[in-house]
Every structure is written in structure tokens, then in C-alpha cells.
Amino acid sequence: MENEWRPKISGGRCFAQWHLSDLFPLDLLSHSLPQGGHALSGVHTVQAEGARGVHMTSPLSFPSSQVFVNCLMFPHEFSIMVTLKTTCSKREYLLSVVQEEKKQLLLGLRFSEEQLQLVYHSPRGRERLSFQRVWLADGKEHLDYVDGHQDLYTSSETYGLEVFQIPSVGLFAAMAHRSSKPGSGIYRWRDGRFELHQNITTFEAHSWKHFIIGNKVFLVVSNSRGPVSSGKEASVIYKWSDKKQKFLRYQTLETYSARDWEAFHIQNQAFLAVANHRKGNGEHKINSVIYKWNPGTRAFEVNQTILTSGAYDLEFFTVGPYHFLAVANAFDGTSTSIDSTIYIWLRGAFQHFQTIRTFGATDWEMFRIGDRVFLAVANGHMLYMHGKSLYAINSTIYELDLNAQMFLRFQDIVLVCLFAVDWEFFTLGDEHFLVVANSYNGLSYSLNSVIYRWQGYEGFVPIHWLPTIGCSDWEFFSTMEGSFLMYSSARQSFTKVFKLKTR
């Protein structure tokens, strides 16, 4: 019986009620497998669609004494969480608890294509509870995590989104539009929907970044080209005016096909960093710049430059007393297979910490689950010299190993990311998710972007597919009305807001 798993239990007092307050989750699968990495006949590890698991051709079992250490009673209330991929169409036992001496089934979880059944032994004999309406990931879409909430028809294609709050004013979304007329759009959330609030002239804007210094609210845009009249490239910082209730030009900074800005504070000092992608002559190995706020002049000044290769994204994060800046390098002029670099702040400047080989990297996303620290990279495509681009490549999640003092590969998201350009991490209740922006597969921009759910040992597992067109960015936000995901399209003048269902 392929895929069956039968932990055994000894004794006959399994369903007596006994209230304990210190019971913790148990990984039953780990108890079924041999320790120390030893091989077990009929069992091997597999990876499918980015999820890691165990494939078995015969049942696994272990004595209950391994888990019932301090108490021999089966818990009166319990839950079982499992992710299963199977080809079986008949009824199979997923889990069974057996009285070993009599081979009597005390508890069993049985499944088929149509339903789940909980089978248990009671004073009246064997009884069953059937669950008819079960969500099964069988190649058809059964999971309802999102509802379409708002379709926003914009003035141009959108390369990036930034959702932010202005204290005592409200929620806003800045959209980086390709077209310079009427420019990029600043939208305000009113009555549960986004409405256009302001247009700002930009030049093939790729992203916006919101930040606060003191009680002043700023936005900075990354322009990837200059105006046709002058050709000189520059990105612009805007400051919110409470009086005029809009953003006004504040400071202009020279940039080179800027792709991203990152704003952060270190020891109460404010910084801005720009990812410069390439110069007008096509040179990609250029300096990206870190600026520092001067309280005296009330302006940003150059603090440090770092050599980058077609830089596309910056991610600042803090672990304990240490500050890091991850740079996604996308192209060196001949190949997308290059090193991206993580820097650490030491003695007043960012110093080299670690390099990681990436493939047209377009985004770093740092996130925490408990006390664990992760970095996810979005690999765009693989290209060398004048060869053909390969778009169906892995994106990878790395985890910080404090003992090794470096990020180690944790999970490959396999062949589900197609020209991935963005990761967005979010949490709903006690559950953690990642959503990827899939942009292009070499033939079409109409692709599914994917939501992944954290499954502990298995890492992130794909659980929902969202139809998108040239998806360029995702943003998660919450309001009084609920929690939402928002995506922008680099191929259509269209942005969509989804409302997330919580149960």
C-alpha cells in the first residue's frame, strides 16, 4: 500500500481524558525514519515543485513509547498536519494508531479522492467521521486564499509598487510607471479602495521608496533614464507637504539607470542607498552609492560607493547588533551568472561579508520565522554572451547559520519561478507565506504567480496560483478592512488588488 504510514501504539488506555498544559507539537515522520542519515529500504527523499519530502513504498511505523514518555494517555483534543502527494485513487490510511498485541485499530485517518475519514475505536465499537468537503491539491484549483478586490487601470505599465502610511493622513501606494506623461501615480486608500491622489513626472521609473526622518515623510523614485531634452539621468527625493497634501520635489541625485532605493537607519543616522544598473555607454560594472543624511544641510551626501554589476535590488536588514546590505547583481555585460554580494556594517562602512552565485538576480527578500533568519533571491534568467536566455530556473532561499557565520542554501524553488522578479513575505495569523512575481517564460507574459506556505520541515510549499500578466512586483498590506496583496504589471496599464481570506 504505497504512501501508507502506520505509527503503532501499545496499551489499551489511549482515549482516557487527561488534561496537560505542556504538550508540544511532535514530528511523527522524524520518529519513523532512522537517525543519523542511515538508509531505509523503500524510502528516499524527493523534491517536487520546491517542496521537500519523503517517498515511501511501504508503511512506516514506530512504538508509541518514543512519544508517550511522561504520560501514556492519548490526548483528548489533537490535530494532525500533513502534506501528501499520492497517485492512489482507492481509500488509503494516512495514519493509524494500533494496539500492538491485538492488532486492533484504535485511531485512523483514511483518505480517498472524494473525502477524508477519521476512524476510531469507542465503547460502541469502530466508528467513522466523514469529511466530504475537503480541499485537495489534485491539479485543480480548490484553495480559496484570495478574492479579487480591485482592478486599477493606470496611465502606463508599472515596474514597481510601494505601499506606505503617512501618520495621521492615511495609506498610500506609489506606482512606478514607464511613461513620463502624466508620470507615476500616487494613490490614496479611501473607503476600501485606491484612488489616484497625485501624478509626478518620472522617466521610466522602476521603483519608489518611502522613509521618515524625524517627523518628515519622504519618497524617492528611481528613474532609469533622463528627459529627452537633456539626457542627464537623475533620481528625485520628494517630501510630503501637510499644507498642500501632496509630495513636493526636495532633492535631486545623479544616478545611472537606477533600479532600486533602500532607506535605513544605523545608530540614529539616516541613509539612502541606490542600485545603479548601468551607464549610458552600456557599462554595467559601476558604483552604486550610499548616501548619508546631513542634519545641518538637511540633505543627503555621498558616504560610500560599492562596485556592483548591473545592480537591480538592495535589501537592508539587522540581525542582533549587526547590520547588513544585500545587493542583487543582475548582469556583468556578458553573463547573468555572477556573484551577488552581502555586506556587513563595520567601522562606519559596509564591508564584504559573503558572495552568492545568482542568475540575473532581481530581488532579495529578507524575512524571519521565529528566531530563524532567511534570504530569498529571485533569479530572473540565465544568459551567457549571445546565447539564448533560459527563464525556467531555480530561485533559492538561504538561511543564516550563526555558527558558520554565513548564509547557507535552505531550499530551491524548482522550475516554478519564470523570470522571477520579486519575492514578498507576509504573515497571516500564525502562518507564513511567500509570493513570487513570475514575469516571462520566453514565450508569454501571461503566467501564474505562486503563493507558497511555510510547512516547517518541508520549507515553502506552493498552495495557490494567481493569473498575472508580466507581473513586476507584489506588495502586502493590512487595513481595517482586512489583509491584501497587490500586484503590478510591466506589460499592461493595470494593477490588481486581492483580498486575502483568513479562517
Foldseek 3Di string as FASTA:
>chain_A
DWLAAEAEEADDQAQDEDDDDPDDDDDVVVQQDDPPPDDDPQKDWDADLFWIDITGGDYTYDYCCVPQPPHRYHYNDDDDDDDDDDPDADKHWRYFYAHPVVRHTAWTWIDHPFWIKIWHQDPVGIDIDIDGDDQDPPVDADDDFWDFDDKDQFPAFFQEKDWDAQPPPAIWIWTQGQDQVVATFIWGDDPRDTDTDDHDGAHGWRYKDWDDQDNKIKIKIQGQWDDPVPGFDWIFMWTADPVVRGTDTDDIDGAHRWADKDWDDDPSWIKIWIFHQAHPVQAGFDWTFMWTADPVVRDTDTDDIDTAGRWADWDWDDDVNKIKIWTQGQHRRFWRFDWTFMWIDDPHDTDTQDIDTAHRWHDWDWDDQVNKIKIWTQGQWTGGHPDDIAFQAWTFMWTQDPVVRDTHTDITSHRQAGRWNDWDWDDDDNKIKIWTFHADGPPFRFFWIFIWTQDPVRGTDTNDTDTDGRWNYWDWDADPVAIWIKTGHNVRSMITIIGTDDD
